Protein backbone atom coordinates (compact mmCIF):
# COMPACT_ATOMS: atom_id res chain seq x y z
CA MET A 1 102.98 127.75 116.61
CA SER A 2 99.52 129.62 115.81
CA ALA A 3 95.89 129.33 117.86
CA ALA A 4 92.37 130.11 116.43
CA GLU A 5 89.39 130.54 118.08
CA GLY A 6 85.66 128.80 117.38
CA GLY A 7 84.71 125.29 116.26
CA LEU A 8 83.96 122.43 118.33
CA PRO A 9 82.62 122.47 121.58
CA GLY A 10 85.56 122.38 124.32
CA GLY A 11 88.24 123.37 122.16
CA PRO A 12 89.57 125.89 119.07
CA LEU A 13 89.12 125.25 115.71
CA SER A 14 90.59 127.66 112.66
CA ASN A 15 88.12 128.22 109.84
CA ARG A 16 88.93 125.01 107.74
CA LEU A 17 87.62 121.77 106.18
CA LEU A 18 86.77 119.71 109.33
CA SER A 19 86.46 116.71 107.72
CA LEU A 20 89.87 116.67 106.44
CA ASP A 21 91.34 117.22 110.26
CA VAL A 22 89.20 114.19 111.12
CA PHE A 23 90.54 112.12 108.31
CA ARG A 24 93.99 113.32 109.08
CA GLY A 25 93.44 112.81 113.11
CA LEU A 26 92.74 109.04 112.23
CA THR A 27 95.57 108.43 109.87
CA ILE A 28 97.85 109.64 112.73
CA ALA A 29 96.31 107.30 115.63
CA GLY A 30 96.55 104.55 113.45
CA MET A 31 100.25 105.39 112.91
CA ILE A 32 100.87 105.28 116.24
CA LEU A 33 98.84 102.37 117.12
CA VAL A 34 100.83 100.20 114.99
CA ASN A 35 104.07 101.85 115.57
CA ASN A 36 103.98 101.21 119.37
CA PRO A 37 102.63 97.57 120.11
CA GLY A 38 103.73 96.48 123.59
CA SER A 39 105.72 93.58 121.99
CA TRP A 40 106.78 93.06 118.05
CA ALA A 41 106.22 89.35 118.41
CA HIS A 42 102.66 89.61 119.55
CA ILE A 43 100.57 91.53 117.05
CA TYR A 44 97.27 91.26 115.55
CA GLY A 45 97.72 90.30 111.89
CA PRO A 46 95.55 93.61 110.44
CA LEU A 47 98.26 95.37 112.67
CA ARG A 48 100.94 94.37 110.92
CA HIS A 49 102.47 95.34 107.28
CA ALA A 50 102.14 92.48 104.64
CA GLU A 51 105.18 90.61 104.17
CA TRP A 52 105.90 91.73 100.89
CA HIS A 53 103.13 91.81 97.97
CA GLY A 54 99.48 92.62 99.25
CA TRP A 55 98.41 94.37 101.95
CA THR A 56 96.98 94.90 105.03
CA PRO A 57 94.98 97.61 106.82
CA THR A 58 98.16 98.90 108.34
CA ASP A 59 99.29 99.59 104.77
CA LEU A 60 96.72 101.91 103.93
CA ILE A 61 98.22 104.52 106.53
CA PHE A 62 100.98 106.18 105.23
CA PRO A 63 99.37 106.56 101.53
CA PHE A 64 96.55 108.13 103.28
CA PHE A 65 98.95 110.57 105.04
CA LEU A 66 100.54 111.42 101.62
CA PHE A 67 97.16 111.91 100.27
CA ILE A 68 96.01 114.24 103.02
CA VAL A 69 99.14 116.14 102.20
CA GLY A 70 97.81 116.63 98.58
CA VAL A 71 94.48 118.08 99.78
CA SER A 72 96.10 120.51 102.32
CA ILE A 73 98.45 121.41 99.57
CA THR A 74 95.44 122.77 97.23
CA LEU A 75 93.39 124.10 100.27
CA ALA A 76 96.15 125.65 101.82
CA LEU A 77 98.48 127.42 98.86
CA SER A 78 95.12 128.40 97.05
CA ARG A 79 93.96 130.74 99.74
CA ARG A 80 97.78 132.42 100.25
CA ALA A 81 97.86 132.61 96.41
CA GLU A 82 94.21 134.32 96.43
CA ALA A 83 95.47 136.49 99.37
CA GLY A 84 98.01 137.72 96.97
CA GLY A 85 101.46 136.21 98.44
CA GLY A 86 103.66 136.71 95.74
CA ARG A 87 105.34 133.74 93.87
CA ARG A 88 108.39 133.85 95.04
CA ASP A 89 107.39 134.32 98.63
CA LEU A 90 105.65 131.07 98.29
CA TYR A 91 108.25 129.57 96.82
CA LEU A 92 110.55 129.96 99.69
CA LYS A 93 108.06 129.05 102.19
CA ILE A 94 107.66 125.45 100.49
CA ALA A 95 111.40 125.31 100.16
CA ARG A 96 111.94 126.23 103.97
CA ARG A 97 108.95 123.66 105.01
CA ALA A 98 110.17 120.91 102.91
CA LEU A 99 113.44 121.11 104.73
CA VAL A 100 112.52 121.41 108.40
CA ILE A 101 110.00 118.34 107.81
CA PHE A 102 113.26 116.33 106.30
CA CYS A 103 115.52 117.60 108.96
CA LEU A 104 112.71 116.25 111.27
CA GLY A 105 112.80 113.05 109.97
CA LEU A 106 116.69 112.94 109.91
CA VAL A 107 116.62 113.72 113.73
CA LEU A 108 114.15 110.82 114.22
CA SER A 109 116.17 108.61 112.51
CA GLY A 110 119.14 109.39 114.39
CA PHE A 111 118.38 110.39 117.92
CA PRO A 112 119.47 109.93 120.55
CA PHE A 113 123.21 108.82 119.01
CA PHE A 114 123.27 110.35 115.68
CA ASP A 115 125.78 108.10 114.36
CA LEU A 116 126.32 109.54 110.81
CA SER A 117 128.13 106.60 109.30
CA THR A 118 125.00 104.60 109.83
CA ILE A 119 122.05 106.97 110.24
CA ARG A 120 119.16 106.08 108.05
CA ILE A 121 118.82 108.98 105.33
CA PRO A 122 115.17 107.75 104.00
CA GLY A 123 112.31 107.86 106.18
CA VAL A 124 108.66 108.64 106.63
CA LEU A 125 108.78 112.10 107.27
CA GLN A 126 111.66 112.69 104.73
CA ARG A 127 109.29 111.04 101.97
CA ILE A 128 106.57 113.30 103.39
CA ALA A 129 108.92 116.28 103.00
CA VAL A 130 110.17 115.38 99.19
CA CYS A 131 106.42 114.49 98.03
CA TYR A 132 105.38 117.71 99.51
CA PHE A 133 107.86 119.88 97.82
CA PHE A 134 107.58 118.30 94.52
CA ALA A 135 103.65 118.56 94.63
CA ALA A 136 103.40 121.60 95.96
CA LEU A 137 105.59 123.03 93.03
CA ILE A 138 103.62 121.24 90.58
CA PHE A 139 100.20 122.39 91.84
CA LEU A 140 101.82 126.01 91.50
CA ASN A 141 102.29 125.83 88.03
CA THR A 142 100.14 123.68 86.53
CA GLY A 143 96.35 123.15 86.06
CA TRP A 144 94.15 119.93 86.86
CA ARG A 145 94.36 118.71 83.62
CA ALA A 146 98.34 118.65 83.41
CA GLN A 147 98.15 117.68 87.27
CA ALA A 148 96.07 114.66 85.91
CA ALA A 149 98.47 113.85 83.47
CA ILE A 150 101.61 114.00 85.39
CA THR A 151 100.44 111.52 87.88
CA GLY A 152 99.51 109.27 85.14
CA ALA A 153 102.74 109.68 83.69
CA LEU A 154 104.60 108.91 87.23
CA LEU A 155 102.53 105.88 87.08
CA LEU A 156 103.18 104.43 84.35
CA VAL A 157 107.01 105.24 83.83
CA TYR A 158 107.49 103.77 87.35
CA TRP A 159 105.74 100.77 86.03
CA ALA A 160 107.85 100.76 83.24
CA LEU A 161 111.40 101.01 85.17
CA MET A 162 110.20 98.33 87.30
CA THR A 163 109.23 95.85 85.16
CA LEU A 164 111.45 96.58 81.97
CA VAL A 165 114.64 97.23 83.48
CA ALA A 166 116.98 95.11 84.92
CA ALA A 167 119.27 95.33 87.91
CA PRO A 168 122.55 93.94 87.32
CA GLY A 169 122.39 90.37 88.06
CA TYR A 170 118.85 90.07 87.80
CA ALA A 171 116.10 89.80 85.37
CA ALA A 172 113.80 92.47 83.82
CA GLY A 173 110.63 92.49 86.30
CA ASP A 174 112.42 90.76 89.35
CA LEU A 175 110.25 92.21 92.18
CA SER A 176 111.47 90.24 94.88
CA MET A 177 113.31 92.09 98.11
CA GLU A 178 116.77 91.84 96.74
CA GLY A 179 116.28 91.72 93.19
CA ASN A 180 114.11 94.69 91.93
CA LEU A 181 115.81 97.71 90.36
CA ALA A 182 114.44 100.09 93.43
CA ALA A 183 116.17 98.19 95.84
CA TYR A 184 119.27 97.92 93.73
CA LEU A 185 119.52 101.94 93.42
CA ASP A 186 119.02 102.18 97.39
CA ARG A 187 121.68 99.93 98.08
CA THR A 188 124.01 101.17 95.50
CA LEU A 189 123.34 105.14 96.28
CA LEU A 190 122.30 105.05 100.01
CA ALA A 191 124.57 101.77 101.10
CA GLY A 192 124.58 101.75 105.10
CA HIS A 193 122.15 104.34 105.34
CA THR A 194 118.84 102.14 104.74
CA TRP A 195 116.14 100.74 106.95
CA LYS A 196 117.07 97.13 105.81
CA PRO A 197 120.35 96.02 104.29
CA LEU A 198 118.30 94.91 100.62
CA TYR A 199 115.98 97.50 100.13
CA ASP A 200 114.60 100.56 102.10
CA PRO A 201 110.55 101.17 101.85
CA GLU A 202 111.06 105.07 101.63
CA GLY A 203 113.72 105.09 99.21
CA ILE A 204 114.77 106.80 96.15
CA LEU A 205 113.27 105.33 93.03
CA SER A 206 109.90 104.23 95.01
CA THR A 207 109.37 108.32 95.70
CA MET A 208 108.54 108.71 92.35
CA PRO A 209 104.77 106.90 92.61
CA ALA A 210 104.49 108.11 96.39
CA VAL A 211 104.75 111.82 94.79
CA ALA A 212 101.73 110.50 92.41
CA THR A 213 99.77 109.78 95.59
CA THR A 214 100.12 113.13 96.84
CA LEU A 215 99.23 114.33 93.72
CA CYS A 216 95.84 112.27 93.74
CA GLY A 217 95.38 114.17 97.04
CA VAL A 218 95.97 117.66 95.17
CA LEU A 219 93.18 116.61 92.77
CA ALA A 220 90.68 115.95 95.42
CA GLY A 221 91.26 119.00 96.89
CA ARG A 222 90.64 120.58 93.60
CA LEU A 223 87.00 118.81 93.49
CA LEU A 224 86.58 120.24 97.43
CA ARG A 225 87.19 123.89 96.50
CA SER A 226 84.94 123.67 93.27
CA GLU A 227 81.54 125.45 92.89
CA ALA A 228 79.74 121.74 93.08
CA ALA A 229 77.14 121.29 95.69
CA PRO A 230 78.79 119.44 99.13
CA ALA A 231 76.35 116.32 98.11
CA GLU A 232 77.74 116.27 94.16
CA LYS A 233 81.69 116.85 95.79
CA CYS A 234 80.77 113.97 98.36
CA ALA A 235 79.49 111.56 95.40
CA ALA A 236 82.07 112.73 93.12
CA LEU A 237 84.78 111.80 95.78
CA PHE A 238 83.16 108.15 96.45
CA VAL A 239 82.75 107.47 92.78
CA ALA A 240 86.51 108.56 91.81
CA GLY A 241 87.53 105.85 95.12
CA VAL A 242 85.71 103.13 93.54
CA ALA A 243 87.26 103.37 90.12
CA GLY A 244 90.72 103.56 91.82
CA VAL A 245 90.18 100.79 93.81
CA VAL A 246 89.18 98.79 90.67
CA ALA A 247 92.11 99.88 88.41
CA GLY A 248 94.41 99.25 91.50
CA TRP A 249 92.89 95.93 91.82
CA ALA A 250 93.09 95.11 88.07
CA TRP A 251 96.38 96.40 87.64
CA ASN A 252 97.84 94.20 90.80
CA PHE A 253 97.54 91.35 88.03
CA TRP A 254 100.56 92.21 86.08
CA PHE A 255 102.46 94.69 88.84
CA PRO A 256 101.66 93.81 92.12
CA VAL A 257 99.91 96.02 95.41
CA ASN A 258 103.38 96.31 97.24
CA LYS A 259 103.98 98.76 99.71
CA PRO A 260 107.72 98.63 100.44
CA LEU A 261 108.04 99.14 96.18
CA TRP A 262 104.92 101.53 96.47
CA THR A 263 103.79 100.10 93.47
CA SER A 264 101.56 101.95 90.63
CA SER A 265 98.75 99.33 91.58
CA TYR A 266 99.22 100.24 95.08
CA VAL A 267 99.08 104.12 94.76
CA LEU A 268 95.41 103.44 92.80
CA LEU A 269 94.32 101.17 95.19
CA THR A 270 95.21 103.39 98.25
CA ALA A 271 94.27 106.56 96.60
CA GLY A 272 90.67 104.99 96.05
CA LEU A 273 89.96 103.76 99.06
CA ALA A 274 91.44 107.37 100.43
CA LEU A 275 88.79 109.24 98.49
CA GLN A 276 86.06 106.75 99.91
CA LEU A 277 87.26 107.75 103.39
CA LEU A 278 87.63 111.39 102.86
CA ALA A 279 83.97 110.96 101.45
CA LEU A 280 82.51 109.21 104.50
CA CYS A 281 84.45 112.04 106.96
CA TYR A 282 82.96 114.86 104.62
CA TRP A 283 79.66 113.74 104.23
CA LEU A 284 79.13 113.02 108.46
CA VAL A 285 81.45 116.47 109.77
CA ASP A 286 80.86 118.93 107.04
CA ILE A 287 77.69 118.23 105.04
CA HIS A 288 75.46 116.54 107.89
CA GLY A 289 77.60 118.48 111.18
CA ARG A 290 78.19 115.10 113.19
CA ARG A 291 81.34 116.25 115.04
CA ARG A 292 81.16 115.14 118.65
CA TRP A 293 82.20 111.77 117.53
CA ALA A 294 85.13 113.08 115.43
CA TRP A 295 86.49 115.28 118.76
CA PRO A 296 89.78 112.80 119.32
CA PHE A 297 90.76 112.99 115.94
CA VAL A 298 90.48 116.56 115.21
CA VAL A 299 92.72 116.65 118.46
CA PHE A 300 95.21 114.65 116.67
CA GLY A 301 94.85 115.99 112.81
CA THR A 302 95.25 119.91 114.03
CA ASN A 303 98.58 118.68 115.67
CA ALA A 304 99.58 115.77 113.31
CA LEU A 305 103.33 116.72 112.66
CA ALA A 306 103.83 117.30 116.26
CA VAL A 307 102.26 114.04 117.68
CA PHE A 308 104.17 111.98 115.32
CA PHE A 309 107.69 113.12 115.81
CA LEU A 310 106.91 113.55 119.86
CA SER A 311 105.50 110.23 120.10
CA GLY A 312 108.34 108.92 117.86
CA ILE A 313 110.82 110.20 120.24
CA PHE A 314 109.23 109.40 123.24
CA ALA A 315 108.90 105.75 122.07
CA ARG A 316 112.40 105.59 121.13
CA LEU A 317 113.48 106.69 124.90
CA LEU A 318 111.49 104.13 126.22
CA GLY A 319 113.58 101.45 125.05
CA LEU A 320 116.39 103.47 125.67
CA ILE A 321 115.82 103.76 129.47
CA LYS A 322 116.98 100.57 131.46
CA PHE A 323 116.99 99.76 135.14
CA THR A 324 117.68 96.32 136.79
CA ARG A 325 114.85 93.99 138.41
CA ASP A 326 115.16 91.80 141.33
CA ASP A 327 116.15 89.15 139.47
CA GLY A 328 119.42 90.88 138.46
CA LYS A 329 118.32 91.27 134.30
CA GLN A 330 118.33 94.43 132.94
CA VAL A 331 115.16 95.57 130.77
CA SER A 332 113.99 98.65 128.94
CA LEU A 333 111.10 100.85 130.68
CA HIS A 334 108.96 99.82 127.50
CA ARG A 335 109.33 96.16 128.38
CA ALA A 336 108.78 96.63 132.36
CA ALA A 337 105.66 98.55 131.50
CA TYR A 338 104.39 96.14 128.86
CA GLU A 339 105.00 93.16 131.19
CA THR A 340 103.96 94.87 134.56
CA LEU A 341 100.90 96.58 133.49
CA PHE A 342 99.38 94.19 130.44
CA ALA A 343 101.35 91.12 129.96
CA SER A 344 101.25 90.07 133.87
CA TRP A 345 97.24 89.35 133.55
CA ALA A 346 96.43 89.19 129.85
CA ASP A 347 97.32 87.04 126.73
CA PRO A 348 100.35 88.53 124.76
CA VAL A 349 98.47 89.54 121.89
CA ASN A 350 95.80 91.31 123.57
CA ALA A 351 98.43 92.82 126.36
CA SER A 352 100.28 93.97 123.45
CA LEU A 353 97.18 95.51 121.74
CA MET A 354 96.49 97.10 125.06
CA PHE A 355 99.54 98.79 125.30
CA ALA A 356 99.31 100.32 121.97
CA VAL A 357 96.09 101.49 122.66
CA CYS A 358 97.28 103.04 125.94
CA PHE A 359 100.21 104.75 123.98
CA VAL A 360 97.63 106.29 121.78
CA LEU A 361 95.25 107.47 124.56
CA PHE A 362 98.32 109.13 126.62
CA TRP A 363 99.11 111.26 123.45
CA LEU A 364 95.50 112.08 123.13
CA GLY A 365 95.61 113.66 126.53
CA LEU A 366 98.84 115.74 125.99
CA MET A 367 97.38 116.79 122.44
CA ALA A 368 94.15 117.54 123.96
CA LEU A 369 95.69 120.14 126.39
CA LEU A 370 97.51 121.82 123.45
CA TYR A 371 93.88 122.09 121.69
CA ARG A 372 92.09 123.39 124.48
CA ARG A 373 94.56 126.09 124.59
CA GLY A 374 94.61 126.96 120.59
CA ILE A 375 98.40 125.86 120.57
CA PHE A 376 99.06 124.16 117.37
CA ILE A 377 102.24 123.42 116.36
CA LYS A 378 103.42 123.61 112.88
CA VAL A 379 106.22 124.27 110.65
């Protein structure tokens, strides 16, 4: 844990880029919202993932978080390097942090039974750990030109593998759920340990372009640390974002935007949108000082890993705790709360949304207590 003083009214903040905390908090709040509906059968379309090709606002959340990880790598490791820390110590800290995050992901996957024969090995935190590890090493050992070249190479190599190399029994370029190369590798190498029998959206091969997403954030962080005037940085972020969106949408015609496959077009599109949202947060919060509206997102953003992990465990417990109703039917605490507090008076889709919103507000209240006491849980 760490604590720091100064910052927004009503709470502590360290001397850091506040707009990045706001962006991170927006992303985490969105992640909690879409992950915790009252009923998975009743969800508004924008709060669902696209079934396969295409995207919804929900499909922006995870790449936004990886992009933010990349920006944080540049800001944090640059400060440590300038403070005179040895390269070996930095490598050890990177490896330790990646390992802890990966293990937290495994805990979240296996909780509470931890059946090692079927535990899901890939996952959200696991992918964050791997992307953080490789992006941090690339950042420490290369300049911005090499980082841009590596990003482009990862996207091109992944496109070539997915469109030119055939999975056994399928045609080259087959991007269906079952026939794509990434799904075949996951079924072969992680049999019994994937999210779905056919594929895993955080699988092995698709982590390659996810590293590229993180490197896009690294490059954005370099821009934010440059000597340019704040307005120039903001404009450059936005223009680069427009270019990413246009390039991603154009590539979509040959390599469709697809979140489970993390296609190269998806990387460019989502990195472009992330750059634009970061530019907006930077313009509002750090340039113009409009911060009061952002307080809830700063609260989430300064304890992002903790709230994601703890809310995931809590949601699992809500589904596992059972009790018997008066009619003799056994229901989970989650379902009982949804039906009693929300579905009893609202239509199903709005009741489901209100449950999710209240879930977010519940965790905002808990994290606000930590924030006001200057407690930031870090690994």
